[in-house]
Protein backbone atom coordinates (compact mmCIF):
# COMPACT_ATOMS: atom_id res chain seq x y z
CA UNK A 1 24.82 -17.24 -36.63
CA UNK A 2 21.99 -15.40 -35.24
CA UNK A 3 20.38 -17.69 -33.07
CA UNK A 4 22.21 -16.55 -29.63
CA UNK A 5 20.87 -13.20 -30.15
CA UNK A 6 17.47 -14.33 -30.89
CA UNK A 7 17.50 -16.21 -28.11
CA UNK A 8 18.85 -13.11 -25.68
CA UNK A 9 16.15 -11.09 -27.08
CA UNK A 10 14.13 -13.42 -26.71
CA UNK A 11 14.93 -14.11 -22.76
CA UNK A 12 15.02 -10.31 -22.27
CA UNK A 13 11.70 -10.13 -23.63
CA UNK A 14 9.93 -12.78 -21.19
CA UNK A 15 12.36 -10.92 -18.25
CA UNK A 16 10.55 -7.79 -19.11
CA UNK A 17 7.32 -9.55 -19.22
CA UNK A 18 7.09 -9.95 -15.74
CA UNK A 19 5.32 -6.88 -14.13
CA UNK A 20 6.63 -7.63 -10.35
CA UNK A 21 9.92 -5.40 -9.00
CA UNK A 22 10.64 -6.58 -5.13
CA UNK A 23 12.73 -3.12 -4.41
CA UNK A 24 11.36 -0.27 -6.84
CA UNK A 25 8.18 1.60 -6.13
CA UNK A 26 5.00 0.02 -7.33
CA UNK A 27 4.14 1.90 -11.04
CA UNK A 28 0.79 3.76 -10.73
CA UNK A 29 -0.50 1.52 -12.62
CA UNK A 30 -0.06 -1.23 -10.05
CA UNK A 31 -0.72 0.58 -6.83
CA UNK A 32 -2.96 -1.21 -4.36
CA UNK A 33 -4.24 -0.17 -1.03
CA UNK A 34 -3.68 2.80 0.73
CA UNK A 35 -6.95 4.72 -0.18
CA UNK A 36 -7.85 6.24 3.64
CA UNK A 37 -3.85 7.68 3.91
CA UNK A 38 -4.05 9.34 0.24
CA UNK A 39 -7.56 11.09 1.07
CA UNK A 40 -6.00 11.78 4.39
CA UNK A 41 -2.76 13.10 3.06
CA UNK A 42 -4.21 15.46 -0.13
CA UNK A 43 -7.20 16.57 2.85
CA UNK A 44 -4.48 17.96 4.36
CA UNK A 45 -2.67 19.49 1.63
CA UNK A 46 -5.64 21.09 0.40
CA UNK A 47 -7.12 22.28 4.00
CA UNK A 48 -7.31 26.19 4.61
CA UNK A 49 -3.97 26.02 6.85
CA UNK A 50 -2.41 24.06 4.66
CA UNK A 51 -1.19 20.58 7.10
CA UNK A 52 1.92 18.58 6.77
CA UNK A 53 2.02 14.79 7.00
CA UNK A 54 4.93 12.58 8.50
CA UNK A 55 4.62 8.79 6.59
CA UNK A 56 6.26 5.85 8.28
CA UNK A 57 6.95 2.56 7.89
CA UNK A 58 9.15 -0.70 7.84
CA UNK A 59 11.91 -0.94 4.97
CA UNK A 60 9.48 -1.63 2.22
CA UNK A 61 6.18 -1.18 3.58
CA UNK A 62 5.75 1.05 0.04
CA UNK A 63 6.52 4.91 1.69
CA UNK A 64 8.23 5.88 -1.52
CA UNK A 65 5.03 4.28 -3.58
CA UNK A 66 2.61 6.40 -1.75
CA UNK A 67 4.51 9.30 -2.05
CA UNK A 68 5.76 8.71 -5.99
CA UNK A 69 1.79 7.97 -6.57
CA UNK A 70 0.65 11.02 -4.72
CA UNK A 71 2.90 13.12 -7.33
CA UNK A 72 1.67 11.28 -10.32
CA UNK A 73 -0.67 13.80 -12.77
CA UNK A 74 -3.62 11.66 -12.49
CA UNK A 75 -3.77 10.82 -9.20
CA UNK A 76 -3.40 14.60 -8.28
CA UNK A 77 -5.83 15.68 -10.86
CA UNK A 78 -8.63 13.13 -9.28
CA UNK A 79 -7.95 15.27 -6.25
CA UNK A 80 -8.55 18.80 -7.92
CA UNK A 81 -4.59 19.06 -7.31
CA UNK A 82 -3.41 20.65 -10.84
CA UNK A 83 0.02 21.82 -12.69
CA UNK A 84 -1.83 25.33 -12.90
CA UNK A 85 -1.86 25.97 -9.02
CA UNK A 86 -0.39 22.83 -6.89
CA UNK A 87 3.02 21.91 -7.48
CA UNK A 88 3.60 17.94 -5.66
CA UNK A 89 7.51 17.91 -5.92
CA UNK A 90 8.83 14.80 -5.05
CA UNK A 91 12.44 14.88 -3.92
CA UNK A 92 14.68 11.87 -2.69
CA UNK A 93 16.52 13.61 -0.01
CA UNK A 94 19.49 11.47 0.15
CA UNK A 95 20.29 12.93 -3.19
CA UNK A 96 21.03 16.19 -2.03
CA UNK A 97 25.36 15.85 -0.67
CA UNK A 98 26.68 17.67 1.07
CA UNK A 99 23.35 18.50 2.87
CA UNK A 100 22.60 21.95 3.51
CA UNK A 101 19.40 24.44 3.41
CA UNK A 102 21.32 25.89 0.58
CA UNK A 103 21.55 22.88 -1.32
CA UNK A 104 18.22 21.36 -0.36
CA UNK A 105 16.40 24.29 -2.11
CA UNK A 106 18.73 24.42 -5.15
CA UNK A 107 17.72 20.90 -5.63
CA UNK A 108 14.37 21.78 -5.46
CA UNK A 109 14.95 24.09 -8.01
CA UNK A 110 16.26 21.95 -10.49
CA UNK A 111 13.80 19.25 -10.29
CA UNK A 112 11.00 21.29 -10.96
CA UNK A 113 12.23 22.70 -13.81
CA UNK A 114 11.61 19.53 -15.10
CA UNK A 115 8.05 19.89 -14.51
CA UNK A 116 5.56 21.64 -16.45
CA UNK A 117 3.11 24.04 -15.08
CA UNK A 118 3.14 27.48 -13.74
CA UNK A 119 3.89 26.36 -10.36
CA UNK A 120 6.94 24.82 -11.36
CA UNK A 121 8.23 28.13 -12.98
CA UNK A 122 7.91 30.03 -10.12
CA UNK A 123 10.37 28.22 -8.51
CA UNK A 124 12.93 29.26 -11.29
CA UNK A 125 14.16 31.97 -9.86
CA UNK A 126 15.57 29.56 -6.72
CA UNK A 127 18.61 27.99 -9.19
CA UNK A 128 19.76 31.58 -9.81
CA UNK A 129 19.77 33.20 -6.52
CA UNK A 130 23.52 34.26 -5.21
CA UNK A 131 22.88 33.57 -1.79
CA UNK A 132 20.13 30.97 -0.94
CA UNK A 133 18.81 31.71 2.37
CA UNK A 134 15.62 31.75 4.12
CA UNK A 135 14.39 35.32 3.01
CA UNK A 136 15.48 34.08 -0.64
CA UNK A 137 12.75 31.05 -0.37
CA UNK A 138 10.06 33.58 1.34
CA UNK A 139 10.25 35.60 -1.76
CA UNK A 140 9.62 32.86 -3.92
CA UNK A 141 7.37 31.64 -2.19
CA UNK A 142 5.58 34.50 -1.68
CA UNK A 143 5.52 35.37 -5.38
CA UNK A 144 3.97 32.00 -6.07
CA UNK A 145 1.10 32.79 -3.45
CA UNK A 146 0.69 36.01 -5.78
CA UNK A 147 0.21 33.49 -8.69
CA UNK A 148 -3.01 31.63 -6.54
CA UNK A 149 -0.01 28.56 -5.90
CA UNK A 150 1.22 26.09 -3.85
CA UNK A 151 3.95 23.83 -3.41
CA UNK A 152 3.78 20.76 -1.66
CA UNK A 153 7.66 18.80 -1.05
CA UNK A 154 6.75 15.54 -1.02
CA UNK A 155 10.28 14.40 0.85
CA UNK A 156 11.36 10.73 0.65
CA UNK A 157 14.29 9.51 2.72
CA UNK A 158 14.24 12.23 5.07
CA UNK A 159 16.33 10.71 7.58
CA UNK A 160 19.18 11.90 5.26
CA UNK A 161 17.88 15.18 6.66
CA UNK A 162 18.21 14.62 10.31
CA UNK A 163 21.56 12.73 10.04
CA UNK A 164 23.84 14.12 12.34
CA UNK A 165 27.28 12.11 13.16
CA UNK A 166 28.89 15.19 14.20
CA UNK A 167 28.53 18.22 16.16
CA UNK A 168 29.23 20.41 13.08
CA UNK A 169 26.20 18.17 11.02
CA UNK A 170 24.26 18.50 14.28
CA UNK A 171 24.45 22.27 13.98
CA UNK A 172 23.29 22.13 10.16
CA UNK A 173 20.61 19.74 11.28
CA UNK A 174 19.03 22.32 13.71
CA UNK A 175 19.36 25.43 11.34
CA UNK A 176 17.48 23.17 8.29
CA UNK A 177 14.47 22.15 10.48
CA UNK A 178 14.36 25.55 12.04
CA UNK A 179 14.32 27.34 8.85
CA UNK A 180 11.58 24.50 7.61
CA UNK A 181 9.51 24.97 10.22
CA UNK A 182 9.53 28.65 9.77
CA UNK A 183 8.18 28.50 6.29
CA UNK A 184 5.80 25.87 6.77
CA UNK A 185 4.13 28.36 9.23
CA UNK A 186 4.38 31.29 7.48
CA UNK A 187 1.68 32.93 5.78
CA UNK A 188 0.29 32.65 3.46
CA UNK A 189 0.51 28.91 4.01
CA UNK A 190 1.36 27.76 0.21
CA UNK A 191 3.90 25.56 1.50
CA UNK A 192 3.27 21.92 2.48
CA UNK A 193 5.84 18.90 3.63
CA UNK A 194 5.10 15.14 3.22
CA UNK A 195 8.06 13.06 4.39
CA UNK A 196 8.50 9.61 4.50
CA UNK A 197 10.92 7.36 7.46
CA UNK A 198 11.44 4.74 8.72
CA UNK A 199 11.11 5.50 12.28
CA UNK A 200 8.37 7.88 13.51
CA UNK A 201 9.36 11.40 12.53
CA UNK A 202 8.94 12.59 16.34
CA UNK A 203 11.58 9.65 17.03
CA UNK A 204 14.00 10.80 14.60
CA UNK A 205 13.96 14.52 15.62
CA UNK A 206 14.19 14.00 19.51
CA UNK A 207 17.79 12.93 18.91
CA UNK A 208 18.79 16.65 17.27
CA UNK A 209 19.96 18.17 20.79
CA UNK A 210 19.48 21.47 22.31
CA UNK A 211 16.52 21.91 19.86
CA UNK A 212 14.89 25.41 21.33
CA UNK A 213 11.16 25.99 20.46
CA UNK A 214 8.62 23.78 19.40
CA UNK A 215 9.45 20.18 18.10
CA UNK A 216 9.70 19.99 14.58
CA UNK A 217 7.56 17.01 14.62
CA UNK A 218 4.67 19.32 16.20
CA UNK A 219 3.72 20.22 12.49
CA UNK A 220 3.23 16.99 11.20
CA UNK A 221 0.39 14.70 11.44
CA UNK A 222 0.98 11.26 11.72
CA UNK A 223 0.29 8.16 8.83
CA UNK A 224 1.41 4.79 10.02
CA UNK A 225 1.70 2.63 7.04
CA UNK A 226 0.13 -1.27 7.94
CA UNK A 227 0.66 -4.26 6.30
CA UNK A 228 -1.71 -4.99 3.05
CA UNK A 229 -4.84 -6.32 3.39
CA UNK A 230 -5.66 -9.97 2.10
CA UNK A 231 -7.95 -8.45 -0.48
CA UNK A 232 -5.12 -5.54 -1.67
CA UNK A 233 -2.74 -8.51 -1.28
CA UNK A 234 -4.98 -10.80 -4.13
CA UNK A 235 -5.32 -7.75 -6.21
CA UNK A 236 -1.72 -6.93 -6.69
CA UNK A 237 -1.16 -10.37 -7.37
CA UNK A 238 -4.05 -10.94 -10.11
CA UNK A 239 -1.43 -9.13 -11.76
CA UNK A 240 0.75 -11.90 -12.93
CA UNK A 241 -1.80 -12.98 -15.37
CA UNK A 242 -0.94 -9.80 -17.23
CA UNK A 243 2.51 -11.97 -17.72
CA UNK A 244 0.27 -14.94 -20.00
CA UNK A 245 1.34 -17.05 -16.55
CA UNK A 246 -1.38 -19.11 -14.48
CA UNK A 247 -2.10 -18.19 -11.21
CA UNK A 248 -3.78 -21.19 -9.17
CA UNK A 249 -5.31 -20.11 -5.69
CA UNK A 250 -2.46 -22.36 -3.88
CA UNK A 251 0.54 -20.20 -5.40
CA UNK A 252 -2.12 -16.97 -4.03
CA UNK A 253 -2.82 -18.14 -0.47
CA UNK A 254 0.97 -19.20 -0.30
CA UNK A 255 2.11 -15.54 -1.05
CA UNK A 256 -0.20 -13.97 1.05
CA UNK A 257 0.59 -16.35 4.26
CA UNK A 258 4.07 -15.85 3.80
CA UNK A 259 4.32 -12.01 2.95
CA UNK A 260 1.90 -11.09 5.86
CA UNK A 261 0.83 -8.64 3.46
CA UNK A 262 4.38 -6.38 3.20
CA UNK A 263 4.35 -5.21 -0.20
CA UNK A 264 7.97 -6.02 -0.90
CA UNK A 265 7.89 -9.45 0.09
CA UNK A 266 4.44 -9.92 -2.02
CA UNK A 267 6.63 -8.35 -4.80
CA UNK A 268 9.24 -10.63 -4.64
CA UNK A 269 7.16 -14.22 -4.51
CA UNK A 270 5.09 -13.00 -7.20
CA UNK A 271 8.28 -11.58 -9.39
CA UNK A 272 9.36 -15.84 -8.55
CA UNK A 273 5.69 -16.73 -9.86
CA UNK A 274 5.94 -15.46 -13.09
CA UNK A 275 10.05 -16.26 -13.23
CA UNK A 276 9.30 -19.63 -12.57
CA UNK A 277 6.19 -20.88 -14.47
CA UNK A 278 8.20 -19.29 -17.27
CA UNK A 279 10.56 -21.97 -16.58
CA UNK A 280 8.46 -24.30 -16.81
CA UNK A 281 8.04 -25.26 -13.07
CA UNK A 282 4.78 -26.13 -11.35
CA UNK A 283 3.79 -26.90 -7.85
CA UNK A 284 6.11 -27.96 -5.35
CA UNK A 285 8.64 -26.96 -7.23
CA UNK A 286 7.14 -23.71 -8.11
CA UNK A 287 6.39 -22.75 -4.09
CA UNK A 288 9.93 -23.96 -3.20
CA UNK A 289 11.29 -20.83 -5.66
CA UNK A 290 8.60 -18.72 -3.96
CA UNK A 291 10.07 -20.10 -0.39
CA UNK A 292 13.48 -18.95 -1.27
CA UNK A 293 12.68 -15.88 -2.69
CA UNK A 294 10.69 -14.47 0.56
CA UNK A 295 13.27 -16.04 2.78
CA UNK A 296 16.19 -14.17 0.93
CA UNK A 297 14.06 -10.78 1.99
CA UNK A 298 13.60 -11.92 5.14
CA UNK A 299 16.87 -12.77 5.88
CA UNK A 300 18.49 -8.95 5.68
CA UNK A 301 17.86 -6.29 7.16
CA UNK A 302 14.08 -6.22 6.36
CA UNK A 303 13.20 -8.45 8.59
CA UNK A 304 14.29 -6.70 11.70
CA UNK A 305 12.55 -3.33 10.41
CA UNK A 306 9.41 -5.42 10.01
CA UNK A 307 9.46 -6.66 13.64
CA UNK A 308 10.32 -3.54 15.03
CA UNK A 309 7.53 -2.01 13.48
CA UNK A 310 5.17 -4.89 14.81
CA UNK A 311 4.58 -6.77 11.23
CA UNK A 312 5.76 -9.99 12.53
CA UNK A 313 1.75 -11.30 12.33
CA UNK A 314 -0.06 -11.77 9.02
CA UNK A 315 -3.50 -10.45 7.55
CA UNK A 316 -6.15 -10.18 10.16
CA UNK A 317 -9.65 -9.42 9.30
CA UNK A 318 -9.39 -6.25 12.08
CA UNK A 319 -7.21 -3.94 11.22
CA UNK A 320 -4.16 -3.00 13.94
CA UNK A 321 -5.46 -0.82 16.75
CA UNK A 322 -8.47 -2.81 17.71
CA UNK A 323 -10.43 -0.55 15.26
CA UNK A 324 -13.28 -2.07 13.26
CA UNK A 325 -13.40 -4.51 10.55
CA UNK A 326 -13.34 -2.94 7.05
CA UNK A 327 -17.25 -2.22 5.67
CA UNK A 328 -18.45 -5.18 3.41
CA UNK A 329 -18.75 -3.21 0.53
CA UNK A 330 -15.63 -0.96 1.33
CA UNK A 331 -13.56 -1.41 -1.98
CA UNK A 332 -14.21 -3.40 -5.11
CA UNK A 333 -13.03 -7.18 -4.46
CA UNK A 334 -10.39 -8.73 -6.86
CA UNK A 335 -12.05 -11.27 -9.64
CA UNK A 336 -10.19 -14.54 -8.32
CA UNK A 337 -13.66 -16.38 -8.94
CA UNK A 338 -13.94 -16.58 -12.28
CA UNK A 339 -16.60 -14.60 -14.39
CA UNK A 340 -20.02 -13.31 -13.17
CA UNK A 341 -22.44 -16.24 -12.54
CA UNK A 342 -24.41 -16.28 -15.83
CA UNK A 343 -21.36 -16.77 -17.82
CA UNK A 344 -20.43 -20.18 -18.89
CA UNK A 345 -17.47 -21.84 -21.65
CA UNK A 346 -19.06 -24.26 -24.09
CA UNK A 347 -22.09 -24.74 -22.02
CA UNK A 348 -20.01 -25.57 -18.69
CA UNK A 349 -20.19 -23.89 -15.97
CA UNK A 350 -17.83 -21.01 -14.39
CA UNK A 351 -16.23 -22.61 -11.51
CA UNK A 352 -16.07 -20.97 -8.22
CA UNK A 353 -18.19 -19.38 -5.99
CA UNK A 354 -19.90 -16.39 -6.94
CA UNK A 355 -22.38 -13.39 -5.03
CA UNK A 356 -24.51 -11.31 -7.06
CA UNK A 357 -24.42 -8.07 -4.97
CA UNK A 358 -27.93 -6.70 -6.92
CA UNK A 359 -29.68 -9.76 -6.33
CA UNK A 360 -28.43 -11.95 -3.47
CA UNK A 361 -28.11 -14.26 -5.13
CA UNK A 362 -25.43 -17.38 -4.26
CA UNK A 363 -23.88 -19.03 -7.45
CA UNK A 364 -21.36 -22.04 -6.91
CA UNK A 365 -19.86 -23.42 -10.24
CA UNK A 366 -22.33 -22.18 -12.46
CA UNK A 367 -25.31 -23.62 -9.59
CA UNK A 368 -27.20 -21.09 -8.06
CA UNK A 369 -27.67 -21.66 -4.03
CA UNK A 370 -30.89 -20.49 -3.57
CA UNK A 371 -31.77 -22.09 -0.12
CA UNK A 372 -29.44 -20.17 2.52
CA UNK A 373 -30.68 -18.77 5.57
CA UNK A 374 -30.35 -14.89 6.15
CA UNK A 375 -27.70 -15.53 8.21
CA UNK A 376 -25.84 -18.02 6.51
CA UNK A 377 -26.15 -15.83 3.75
CA UNK A 378 -24.38 -12.88 6.09
CA UNK A 379 -21.31 -15.30 6.89
CA UNK A 380 -20.79 -16.23 3.65
CA UNK A 381 -20.62 -12.64 2.32
CA UNK A 382 -18.53 -11.34 5.27
CA UNK A 383 -16.05 -14.31 4.48
CA UNK A 384 -16.19 -13.76 0.44
CA UNK A 385 -15.61 -10.44 0.99
CA UNK A 386 -12.18 -10.76 2.92
CA UNK A 387 -10.60 -13.31 0.69
CA UNK A 388 -7.56 -15.26 2.66
CA UNK A 389 -8.38 -13.09 5.54
CA UNK A 390 -8.38 -14.95 8.82
CA UNK A 391 -11.81 -14.25 10.30
CA UNK A 392 -11.54 -15.12 14.10
CA UNK A 393 -15.43 -16.38 15.71
CA UNK A 394 -15.66 -13.18 17.61
CA UNK A 395 -15.38 -11.16 14.47
CA UNK A 396 -17.95 -13.74 12.93
CA UNK A 397 -20.17 -12.71 16.24
CA UNK A 398 -19.95 -8.77 16.43
CA UNK A 399 -20.49 -8.71 12.56
CA UNK A 400 -23.51 -11.16 12.02
CA UNK A 401 -25.59 -9.82 15.75
CA UNK A 402 -23.98 -7.18 17.18
CA UNK A 403 -21.54 -5.99 19.89
CA UNK A 404 -24.57 -6.43 22.13
CA UNK A 405 -25.67 -9.79 21.81
CA UNK A 406 -22.11 -11.12 21.67
CA UNK A 407 -22.28 -11.69 25.46
CA UNK A 408 -25.00 -14.15 24.65
CA UNK A 409 -23.66 -16.06 21.22
CA UNK A 410 -21.27 -18.61 21.77
CA UNK A 411 -18.24 -20.74 19.75
CA UNK A 412 -20.82 -23.27 19.50
CA UNK A 413 -23.37 -21.34 18.09
CA UNK A 414 -20.67 -20.09 15.33
CA UNK A 415 -19.32 -23.60 14.23
CA UNK A 416 -23.04 -24.80 13.96
CA UNK A 417 -23.70 -22.02 11.56
CA UNK A 418 -20.63 -22.54 9.80
CA UNK A 419 -21.01 -26.38 9.42
CA UNK A 420 -25.05 -25.43 8.45
CA UNK A 421 -23.03 -22.43 5.39
CA UNK A 422 -20.75 -25.86 4.13
CA UNK A 423 -23.36 -28.32 3.80
CA UNK A 424 -25.45 -25.88 1.46
CA UNK A 425 -21.86 -24.30 -0.83
CA UNK A 426 -19.35 -27.56 -0.64
CA UNK A 427 -19.26 -30.37 -2.80
CA UNK A 428 -17.67 -32.40 0.33
CA UNK A 429 -18.55 -30.82 3.10
CA UNK A 430 -15.85 -32.81 5.59
CA UNK A 431 -13.49 -31.50 2.89
CA UNK A 432 -14.31 -27.83 2.60
CA UNK A 433 -12.77 -25.76 -0.82
CA UNK A 434 -14.11 -22.54 0.14
CA UNK A 435 -14.96 -22.14 4.06
CA UNK A 436 -11.72 -23.38 5.42
CA UNK A 437 -10.92 -23.72 9.14
CA UNK A 438 -8.22 -22.47 10.61
CA UNK A 439 -7.44 -24.24 13.93
CA UNK A 440 -7.61 -22.55 17.08
CA UNK A 441 -8.14 -18.68 15.70
CA UNK A 442 -11.47 -18.89 13.16
CA UNK A 443 -12.11 -19.13 9.40
CA UNK A 444 -11.23 -18.14 6.38
CA UNK A 445 -12.55 -17.97 2.79
CA UNK A 446 -10.46 -19.10 -0.03
CA UNK A 447 -11.40 -18.22 -3.77
CA UNK A 448 -10.61 -20.27 -6.33
CA UNK A 449 -8.55 -18.31 -8.75
CA UNK A 450 -9.15 -18.99 -12.50
């Protein structure tokens, strides 16, 4: 009699063990990447003049994740934003309906009432004020400033605030933006905003006709979210091992290539991977499930949003905009190649390729490779620090020889260098496992996931 109930419980436990959720903000423990963006946002929030930031990116690019990560107490504390002096209040603007200046601030006061800290307590009077207008908000902000407090509004789905389907809504929108601009410019500057929108803020607010004065968007520094790097994608995928499933290099690279670094697509592929493994799928069958999960996402509005933001391509070594490639030591590398080189299991060398950063030693399947030239080592280190990313021949030339020497180094020299490196680190240089060619584009380091 109890068997169906037991089976149901078992299935629920297995489902709960899947750490990936494609259509929800990333939990704090699984947030990866965006270090530059987070640093920039906190830099503006803590500046003397309290800068404002407008975050934009296509659907599923992680805007909500960024705002909720910033609001997390542990993250805020690392940047010196303590509840006693700075209230980081996350607000889903769509929760304010009908949308007005008064309804917005009453919503802020209600949410702040659930938050501990002196800064949050200072907003309580807003909930009891009979007429909540600009002056009422200024009085509360002045009281907060007298106590050394700062209010940071993390406004998700900000499109809702600039939605204007009628002349009346357009007027309401202009009123709200004008009042918020006034509050942001006032002295003391103890109010800052971080808004998240799919389209850039300056494009959204441009649609509000008959705007007087400086455009609202001029108050904001723009941060555009880009696809996750291959390194951060692989770091996110490494959480699959916490669900007691196997993560092979073929699985990781398939999701890496299908997703192009899009966070929601990575989550969908990883969810399908974990779920498929628990159903006993493997190989081609499992990969079909992953492809189907990704195809379902790309068939809906997500695809158009990605394309409009220029997210069609997959990960590359150099970030968009022609900026230089990331520093080789910029971020911790996900542990996808097994244990450090001195480890072994039952006397059998640990599989995979490993570079000991301190000694400069290179290990392949537990065997030290001690006859690499300086140039060969530099090439391997470059590729190894960017697992799964495409590295073009131009990237290699600029990284290894420098921009000034680029005019005198041709592709053939790079090809010969790659060939020499393969002969030293690959068990079968003609069928390389680690340093693979992407025909007509460059090379990619493929880690062995263990």
